[in-house]
Amino acid sequence: MRSSKFLKVMAIGLALGVSACGAMEAQRASEVQRQQEVTHRMDVAHVWVTTEGPPAGKPYSKLGDLSYTEAFSPDAIDEAKITAKLKSMAMEKWPDTIDAIVDENQTVSPDGASITVTGKAIAYDSSVDRAAMHKMNEGMIASPTNR
């Protein structure tokens, strides 16, 4: 009888321990996903778009040209949406190297039915900012009691 109670207590303890491990794993997975989302947002925020050329005196490499055409609409000429689309295209092609999109240009077709947006993707030869962002979470303390 005594061993029966002991086995029940052990079974309950084991069940609680297993469920706690599952909860901790889910929390860790959630934290990893959140960190990846933050890193992605920072990467996208790091990329800037300009109608001008690259800054004088700052060495860079041209990664390639970006271009898209879509039907003319108020959304198609919205600067925020144009910037977001160019950044998205650049991040898809050059996720680890893109720093800026320069010489952004918008051209409306002669019949006014479509708009073509172009730009040049560049990477600075020395991109300290990007390297620092990728390493900002290294060595972070996850708990205030773990010093």
N, C-alpha and C. Protein backbone atom coordinates (compact mmCIF):
# COMPACT_ATOMS: atom_id res chain seq x y z
N MET A 1 0.82 -1.18 0.00
CA MET A 1 0.00 0.00 0.00
C MET A 1 0.87 1.25 0.00
N ARG A 2 1.89 1.20 0.84
CA ARG A 2 2.79 2.34 0.90
C ARG A 2 3.52 2.54 -0.42
N SER A 3 3.96 1.46 -1.03
CA SER A 3 4.65 1.56 -2.32
C SER A 3 3.69 2.03 -3.40
N SER A 4 2.41 1.73 -3.29
CA SER A 4 1.40 2.19 -4.24
C SER A 4 1.27 3.71 -4.19
N LYS A 5 1.25 4.28 -2.99
CA LYS A 5 1.20 5.74 -2.84
C LYS A 5 2.47 6.38 -3.38
N PHE A 6 3.58 5.73 -3.07
CA PHE A 6 4.86 6.24 -3.54
C PHE A 6 4.91 6.26 -5.07
N LEU A 7 4.44 5.21 -5.71
CA LEU A 7 4.42 5.14 -7.17
C LEU A 7 3.51 6.21 -7.77
N LYS A 8 2.37 6.46 -7.11
CA LYS A 8 1.45 7.50 -7.59
C LYS A 8 2.11 8.87 -7.51
N VAL A 9 2.77 9.13 -6.38
CA VAL A 9 3.46 10.41 -6.21
C VAL A 9 4.58 10.55 -7.25
N MET A 10 5.31 9.47 -7.46
CA MET A 10 6.39 9.48 -8.47
C MET A 10 5.82 9.74 -9.87
N ALA A 11 4.71 9.11 -10.18
CA ALA A 11 4.08 9.27 -11.50
C ALA A 11 3.62 10.71 -11.69
N ILE A 12 3.02 11.28 -10.66
CA ILE A 12 2.57 12.67 -10.75
C ILE A 12 3.76 13.61 -10.90
N GLY A 13 4.80 13.37 -10.12
CA GLY A 13 6.02 14.19 -10.22
C GLY A 13 6.65 14.09 -11.59
N LEU A 14 6.72 12.89 -12.14
CA LEU A 14 7.28 12.70 -13.47
C LEU A 14 6.44 13.40 -14.53
N ALA A 15 5.12 13.30 -14.40
CA ALA A 15 4.23 13.98 -15.36
C ALA A 15 4.41 15.49 -15.31
N LEU A 16 4.50 16.04 -14.11
CA LEU A 16 4.71 17.48 -13.97
C LEU A 16 6.07 17.90 -14.53
N GLY A 17 7.08 17.08 -14.29
CA GLY A 17 8.42 17.37 -14.81
C GLY A 17 8.45 17.37 -16.32
N VAL A 18 7.80 16.39 -16.94
CA VAL A 18 7.76 16.30 -18.40
C VAL A 18 7.00 17.50 -18.99
N SER A 19 5.88 17.86 -18.39
CA SER A 19 5.11 19.00 -18.92
C SER A 19 5.88 20.30 -18.74
N ALA A 20 6.63 20.43 -17.66
CA ALA A 20 7.44 21.64 -17.46
C ALA A 20 8.54 21.73 -18.52
N CYS A 21 9.13 20.59 -18.86
CA CYS A 21 10.17 20.59 -19.91
C CYS A 21 9.58 21.02 -21.25
N GLY A 22 8.38 20.54 -21.54
CA GLY A 22 7.71 20.93 -22.78
C GLY A 22 7.43 22.42 -22.83
N ALA A 23 6.99 22.96 -21.71
CA ALA A 23 6.70 24.40 -21.64
C ALA A 23 7.97 25.21 -21.82
N MET A 24 9.06 24.74 -21.21
CA MET A 24 10.34 25.46 -21.35
C MET A 24 10.84 25.42 -22.79
N GLU A 25 10.69 24.27 -23.44
CA GLU A 25 11.10 24.15 -24.85
C GLU A 25 10.28 25.08 -25.74
N ALA A 26 8.97 25.15 -25.49
CA ALA A 26 8.11 26.03 -26.27
C ALA A 26 8.51 27.49 -26.05
N GLN A 27 8.86 27.84 -24.82
CA GLN A 27 9.29 29.20 -24.52
C GLN A 27 10.60 29.51 -25.24
N ARG A 28 11.53 28.57 -25.23
CA ARG A 28 12.81 28.77 -25.92
C ARG A 28 12.60 28.93 -27.43
N ALA A 29 11.76 28.09 -28.00
CA ALA A 29 11.48 28.17 -29.43
C ALA A 29 10.85 29.51 -29.77
N SER A 30 9.95 29.97 -28.92
CA SER A 30 9.31 31.27 -29.13
C SER A 30 10.35 32.40 -29.08
N GLU A 31 11.26 32.33 -28.14
CA GLU A 31 12.31 33.35 -28.00
C GLU A 31 13.24 33.36 -29.22
N VAL A 32 13.60 32.18 -29.72
CA VAL A 32 14.45 32.09 -30.91
C VAL A 32 13.74 32.71 -32.11
N GLN A 33 12.46 32.40 -32.27
CA GLN A 33 11.69 32.97 -33.38
C GLN A 33 11.61 34.49 -33.27
N ARG A 34 11.36 34.99 -32.08
CA ARG A 34 11.27 36.44 -31.86
C ARG A 34 12.60 37.11 -32.19
N GLN A 35 13.70 36.49 -31.78
CA GLN A 35 15.02 37.05 -32.06
C GLN A 35 15.28 37.09 -33.56
N GLN A 36 14.87 36.05 -34.29
CA GLN A 36 15.05 36.04 -35.74
C GLN A 36 14.22 37.12 -36.40
N GLU A 37 13.00 37.36 -35.91
CA GLU A 37 12.15 38.41 -36.45
C GLU A 37 12.76 39.79 -36.22
N VAL A 38 13.31 40.00 -35.03
CA VAL A 38 13.96 41.28 -34.72
C VAL A 38 15.17 41.49 -35.63
N THR A 39 15.97 40.45 -35.81
CA THR A 39 17.14 40.55 -36.69
C THR A 39 16.70 40.88 -38.11
N HIS A 40 15.65 40.22 -38.59
CA HIS A 40 15.16 40.49 -39.95
C HIS A 40 14.69 41.94 -40.08
N ARG A 41 13.91 42.43 -39.09
CA ARG A 41 13.44 43.82 -39.14
C ARG A 41 14.62 44.79 -39.14
N MET A 42 15.65 44.48 -38.35
CA MET A 42 16.81 45.36 -38.30
C MET A 42 17.55 45.33 -39.63
N ASP A 43 17.65 44.15 -40.24
CA ASP A 43 18.30 44.06 -41.54
C ASP A 43 17.57 44.91 -42.57
N VAL A 44 16.25 44.83 -42.59
CA VAL A 44 15.46 45.60 -43.55
C VAL A 44 15.57 47.09 -43.24
N ALA A 45 15.54 47.46 -41.97
CA ALA A 45 15.66 48.87 -41.58
C ALA A 45 17.03 49.43 -41.95
N HIS A 46 18.04 48.58 -41.94
CA HIS A 46 19.41 49.00 -42.25
C HIS A 46 19.55 49.44 -43.71
N VAL A 47 18.79 48.83 -44.59
CA VAL A 47 18.85 49.15 -46.02
C VAL A 47 18.12 50.47 -46.26
N TRP A 48 18.79 51.40 -46.89
CA TRP A 48 18.12 52.66 -47.19
C TRP A 48 17.97 52.82 -48.70
N VAL A 49 16.95 53.56 -49.08
CA VAL A 49 16.63 53.76 -50.49
C VAL A 49 16.67 55.25 -50.77
N THR A 50 17.33 55.61 -51.88
CA THR A 50 17.45 57.02 -52.23
C THR A 50 17.39 57.20 -53.74
N THR A 51 16.91 58.38 -54.15
CA THR A 51 16.90 58.71 -55.58
C THR A 51 18.27 59.22 -56.01
N GLU A 52 19.13 59.48 -55.04
CA GLU A 52 20.47 59.98 -55.36
C GLU A 52 21.44 58.82 -55.54
N GLY A 53 22.65 59.16 -55.96
CA GLY A 53 23.70 58.17 -56.11
C GLY A 53 24.31 57.85 -54.76
N PRO A 54 25.26 56.93 -54.75
CA PRO A 54 25.93 56.58 -53.49
C PRO A 54 26.72 57.78 -52.95
N PRO A 55 26.93 57.87 -51.65
CA PRO A 55 27.68 58.99 -51.09
C PRO A 55 29.11 59.02 -51.62
N ALA A 56 29.57 60.22 -51.92
CA ALA A 56 30.93 60.38 -52.44
C ALA A 56 31.94 60.00 -51.35
N GLY A 57 32.98 59.32 -51.76
CA GLY A 57 34.05 58.99 -50.84
C GLY A 57 33.83 57.74 -50.01
N LYS A 58 32.70 57.08 -50.16
CA LYS A 58 32.46 55.84 -49.43
C LYS A 58 32.49 54.69 -50.43
N PRO A 59 33.56 53.88 -50.40
CA PRO A 59 33.71 52.80 -51.38
C PRO A 59 32.57 51.77 -51.29
N TYR A 60 32.12 51.30 -52.44
CA TYR A 60 31.02 50.34 -52.49
C TYR A 60 31.19 49.42 -53.69
N SER A 61 30.41 48.36 -53.68
CA SER A 61 30.34 47.44 -54.81
C SER A 61 28.89 47.38 -55.26
N LYS A 62 28.69 47.38 -56.56
CA LYS A 62 27.33 47.25 -57.09
C LYS A 62 26.95 45.77 -57.08
N LEU A 63 25.81 45.48 -56.47
CA LEU A 63 25.33 44.10 -56.41
C LEU A 63 24.50 43.75 -57.64
N GLY A 64 23.72 44.72 -58.11
CA GLY A 64 22.89 44.46 -59.27
C GLY A 64 21.77 45.47 -59.39
N ASP A 65 21.00 45.32 -60.45
CA ASP A 65 19.88 46.22 -60.70
C ASP A 65 18.57 45.60 -60.19
N LEU A 66 17.68 46.47 -59.76
CA LEU A 66 16.35 46.06 -59.34
C LEU A 66 15.34 46.78 -60.23
N SER A 67 14.27 46.09 -60.58
CA SER A 67 13.26 46.70 -61.43
C SER A 67 11.95 45.92 -61.30
N TYR A 68 10.87 46.66 -61.28
CA TYR A 68 9.56 46.02 -61.35
C TYR A 68 8.59 46.98 -62.02
N THR A 69 7.55 46.40 -62.62
CA THR A 69 6.51 47.18 -63.30
C THR A 69 5.17 46.69 -62.77
N GLU A 70 4.28 47.65 -62.52
CA GLU A 70 2.92 47.28 -62.11
C GLU A 70 1.94 48.31 -62.65
N ALA A 71 0.67 47.96 -62.59
CA ALA A 71 -0.38 48.85 -63.08
C ALA A 71 -0.38 50.14 -62.28
N PHE A 72 -0.63 51.24 -62.96
CA PHE A 72 -0.66 52.54 -62.29
C PHE A 72 -1.86 52.62 -61.35
N SER A 73 -1.59 53.04 -60.12
CA SER A 73 -2.64 53.23 -59.11
C SER A 73 -2.06 54.12 -58.01
N PRO A 74 -2.90 54.62 -57.12
CA PRO A 74 -2.36 55.41 -56.01
C PRO A 74 -1.35 54.61 -55.16
N ASP A 75 -1.61 53.31 -54.97
CA ASP A 75 -0.67 52.47 -54.22
C ASP A 75 0.66 52.31 -54.96
N ALA A 76 0.60 52.25 -56.28
CA ALA A 76 1.81 52.03 -57.07
C ALA A 76 2.77 53.21 -56.97
N ILE A 77 2.26 54.41 -56.68
CA ILE A 77 3.15 55.57 -56.58
C ILE A 77 3.38 56.02 -55.13
N ASP A 78 2.91 55.23 -54.18
CA ASP A 78 3.12 55.52 -52.76
C ASP A 78 4.60 55.25 -52.42
N GLU A 79 5.31 56.28 -51.97
CA GLU A 79 6.75 56.16 -51.70
C GLU A 79 7.06 55.07 -50.68
N ALA A 80 6.27 54.96 -49.63
CA ALA A 80 6.53 53.95 -48.60
C ALA A 80 6.40 52.54 -49.18
N LYS A 81 5.42 52.35 -50.04
CA LYS A 81 5.22 51.03 -50.65
C LYS A 81 6.31 50.72 -51.67
N ILE A 82 6.75 51.73 -52.40
CA ILE A 82 7.85 51.54 -53.35
C ILE A 82 9.12 51.14 -52.60
N THR A 83 9.41 51.88 -51.53
CA THR A 83 10.60 51.58 -50.72
C THR A 83 10.52 50.17 -50.15
N ALA A 84 9.37 49.80 -49.61
CA ALA A 84 9.20 48.47 -49.02
C ALA A 84 9.39 47.38 -50.07
N LYS A 85 8.85 47.60 -51.25
CA LYS A 85 8.96 46.58 -52.31
C LYS A 85 10.40 46.44 -52.77
N LEU A 86 11.10 47.56 -52.97
CA LEU A 86 12.51 47.50 -53.37
C LEU A 86 13.36 46.80 -52.31
N LYS A 87 13.11 47.14 -51.04
CA LYS A 87 13.86 46.50 -49.96
C LYS A 87 13.59 45.00 -49.93
N SER A 88 12.34 44.62 -50.10
CA SER A 88 11.98 43.20 -50.10
C SER A 88 12.68 42.46 -51.23
N MET A 89 12.68 43.04 -52.41
CA MET A 89 13.35 42.42 -53.55
C MET A 89 14.85 42.28 -53.28
N ALA A 90 15.45 43.33 -52.74
CA ALA A 90 16.89 43.31 -52.47
C ALA A 90 17.24 42.30 -51.39
N MET A 91 16.43 42.24 -50.33
CA MET A 91 16.70 41.29 -49.25
C MET A 91 16.57 39.85 -49.73
N GLU A 92 15.69 39.63 -50.69
CA GLU A 92 15.53 38.28 -51.24
C GLU A 92 16.77 37.87 -52.04
N LYS A 93 17.33 38.81 -52.80
CA LYS A 93 18.49 38.50 -53.64
C LYS A 93 19.81 38.54 -52.88
N TRP A 94 19.98 39.53 -52.00
CA TRP A 94 21.26 39.74 -51.32
C TRP A 94 21.05 39.93 -49.81
N PRO A 95 20.53 38.92 -49.11
CA PRO A 95 20.16 39.11 -47.70
C PRO A 95 21.31 39.47 -46.77
N ASP A 96 22.51 39.04 -47.10
CA ASP A 96 23.64 39.26 -46.20
C ASP A 96 24.57 40.38 -46.63
N THR A 97 24.29 41.00 -47.79
CA THR A 97 25.24 41.99 -48.28
C THR A 97 24.64 43.34 -48.63
N ILE A 98 23.35 43.42 -48.85
CA ILE A 98 22.73 44.67 -49.29
C ILE A 98 22.82 45.74 -48.21
N ASP A 99 23.26 46.94 -48.60
CA ASP A 99 23.31 48.08 -47.68
C ASP A 99 22.41 49.22 -48.14
N ALA A 100 22.27 49.39 -49.45
CA ALA A 100 21.47 50.52 -49.94
C ALA A 100 20.97 50.25 -51.34
N ILE A 101 19.92 50.98 -51.69
CA ILE A 101 19.40 50.99 -53.05
C ILE A 101 19.48 52.45 -53.49
N VAL A 102 20.31 52.70 -54.49
CA VAL A 102 20.55 54.07 -54.94
C VAL A 102 19.96 54.27 -56.33
N ASP A 103 19.90 55.51 -56.74
CA ASP A 103 19.38 55.88 -58.06
C ASP A 103 17.99 55.32 -58.31
N GLU A 104 17.14 55.32 -57.26
CA GLU A 104 15.76 54.85 -57.42
C GLU A 104 15.05 55.81 -58.37
N ASN A 105 14.32 55.24 -59.33
CA ASN A 105 13.65 56.06 -60.33
C ASN A 105 12.29 55.45 -60.65
N GLN A 106 11.33 56.31 -60.92
CA GLN A 106 9.98 55.87 -61.29
C GLN A 106 9.64 56.45 -62.65
N THR A 107 9.18 55.60 -63.54
CA THR A 107 8.80 56.03 -64.87
C THR A 107 7.40 55.54 -65.18
N VAL A 108 6.53 56.46 -65.58
CA VAL A 108 5.17 56.10 -65.98
C VAL A 108 5.17 55.83 -67.47
N SER A 109 4.47 54.78 -67.88
CA SER A 109 4.41 54.43 -69.30
C SER A 109 3.74 55.56 -70.08
N PRO A 110 4.02 55.68 -71.38
CA PRO A 110 3.43 56.75 -72.18
C PRO A 110 1.90 56.77 -72.16
N ASP A 111 1.28 55.61 -72.03
CA ASP A 111 -0.19 55.58 -71.99
C ASP A 111 -0.73 55.75 -70.57
N GLY A 112 0.15 55.85 -69.57
CA GLY A 112 -0.27 56.07 -68.19
C GLY A 112 -0.83 54.85 -67.50
N ALA A 113 -0.69 53.68 -68.12
CA ALA A 113 -1.29 52.47 -67.58
C ALA A 113 -0.40 51.76 -66.55
N SER A 114 0.90 52.00 -66.60
CA SER A 114 1.79 51.29 -65.68
C SER A 114 2.93 52.19 -65.23
N ILE A 115 3.57 51.76 -64.17
CA ILE A 115 4.73 52.45 -63.62
C ILE A 115 5.86 51.44 -63.48
N THR A 116 7.06 51.85 -63.86
CA THR A 116 8.24 51.02 -63.71
C THR A 116 9.16 51.69 -62.70
N VAL A 117 9.59 50.93 -61.71
CA VAL A 117 10.49 51.42 -60.68
C VAL A 117 11.81 50.69 -60.83
N THR A 118 12.91 51.45 -60.81
CA THR A 118 14.23 50.87 -60.93
C THR A 118 15.14 51.40 -59.82
N GLY A 119 16.21 50.68 -59.58
CA GLY A 119 17.20 51.09 -58.60
C GLY A 119 18.42 50.20 -58.71
N LYS A 120 19.50 50.63 -58.07
CA LYS A 120 20.74 49.85 -58.07
C LYS A 120 21.05 49.45 -56.63
N ALA A 121 21.25 48.16 -56.43
CA ALA A 121 21.59 47.64 -55.11
C ALA A 121 23.10 47.71 -54.92
N ILE A 122 23.52 48.22 -53.76
CA ILE A 122 24.95 48.32 -53.48
C ILE A 122 25.26 47.78 -52.08
N ALA A 123 26.52 47.42 -51.91
CA ALA A 123 27.05 47.02 -50.60
C ALA A 123 28.30 47.84 -50.37
N TYR A 124 28.37 48.46 -49.23
CA TYR A 124 29.57 49.23 -48.91
C TYR A 124 30.73 48.27 -48.65
N ASP A 125 31.92 48.66 -49.08
CA ASP A 125 33.09 47.80 -48.90
C ASP A 125 33.37 47.56 -47.42
N SER A 126 33.03 48.51 -46.57
CA SER A 126 33.17 48.36 -45.13
C SER A 126 31.80 48.63 -44.51
N SER A 127 31.12 47.58 -44.11
CA SER A 127 29.79 47.74 -43.54
C SER A 127 29.81 47.36 -42.06
N VAL A 128 30.37 48.23 -41.26
CA VAL A 128 30.49 47.99 -39.83
C VAL A 128 29.12 47.88 -39.19
N ASP A 129 28.17 48.71 -39.60
CA ASP A 129 26.84 48.70 -39.01
C ASP A 129 26.18 47.33 -39.13
N ARG A 130 26.21 46.75 -40.32
CA ARG A 130 25.56 45.46 -40.54
C ARG A 130 26.22 44.39 -39.69
N ALA A 131 27.54 44.36 -39.64
CA ALA A 131 28.24 43.36 -38.83
C ALA A 131 27.89 43.51 -37.35
N ALA A 132 27.81 44.74 -36.89
CA ALA A 132 27.49 44.98 -35.48
C ALA A 132 26.07 44.52 -35.17
N MET A 133 25.12 44.76 -36.07
CA MET A 133 23.74 44.34 -35.83
C MET A 133 23.63 42.83 -35.71
N HIS A 134 24.38 42.11 -36.57
CA HIS A 134 24.30 40.65 -36.52
C HIS A 134 24.90 40.09 -35.24
N LYS A 135 25.78 40.83 -34.60
CA LYS A 135 26.44 40.33 -33.40
C LYS A 135 25.88 40.94 -32.12
N MET A 136 24.85 41.77 -32.22
CA MET A 136 24.39 42.47 -31.04
C MET A 136 23.78 41.57 -29.97
N ASN A 137 23.27 40.41 -30.35
CA ASN A 137 22.66 39.52 -29.36
C ASN A 137 23.64 38.50 -28.79
N GLU A 138 24.86 38.48 -29.29
CA GLU A 138 25.84 37.53 -28.78
C GLU A 138 26.25 37.94 -27.37
N GLY A 139 26.30 36.97 -26.49
CA GLY A 139 26.73 37.24 -25.13
C GLY A 139 25.70 37.92 -24.27
N MET A 140 24.47 38.03 -24.74
CA MET A 140 23.42 38.66 -23.92
C MET A 140 23.05 37.75 -22.75
N ILE A 141 22.69 38.34 -21.67
CA ILE A 141 22.26 37.60 -20.49
C ILE A 141 20.75 37.41 -20.61
N ALA A 142 20.31 36.16 -20.54
CA ALA A 142 18.89 35.85 -20.71
C ALA A 142 18.10 36.10 -19.45
N SER A 143 18.74 36.09 -18.31
CA SER A 143 18.05 36.27 -17.04
C SER A 143 18.83 37.25 -16.17
N PRO A 144 18.15 38.15 -15.47
CA PRO A 144 18.87 39.10 -14.63
C PRO A 144 19.62 38.43 -13.48
N THR A 145 19.25 37.20 -13.12
CA THR A 145 19.94 36.52 -12.03
C THR A 145 21.15 35.75 -12.53
N ASN A 146 21.29 35.60 -13.83
CA ASN A 146 22.41 34.84 -14.41
C ASN A 146 23.50 35.81 -14.85
N ARG A 147 24.32 36.26 -13.93
CA ARG A 147 25.31 37.29 -14.25
C ARG A 147 26.62 36.72 -14.52
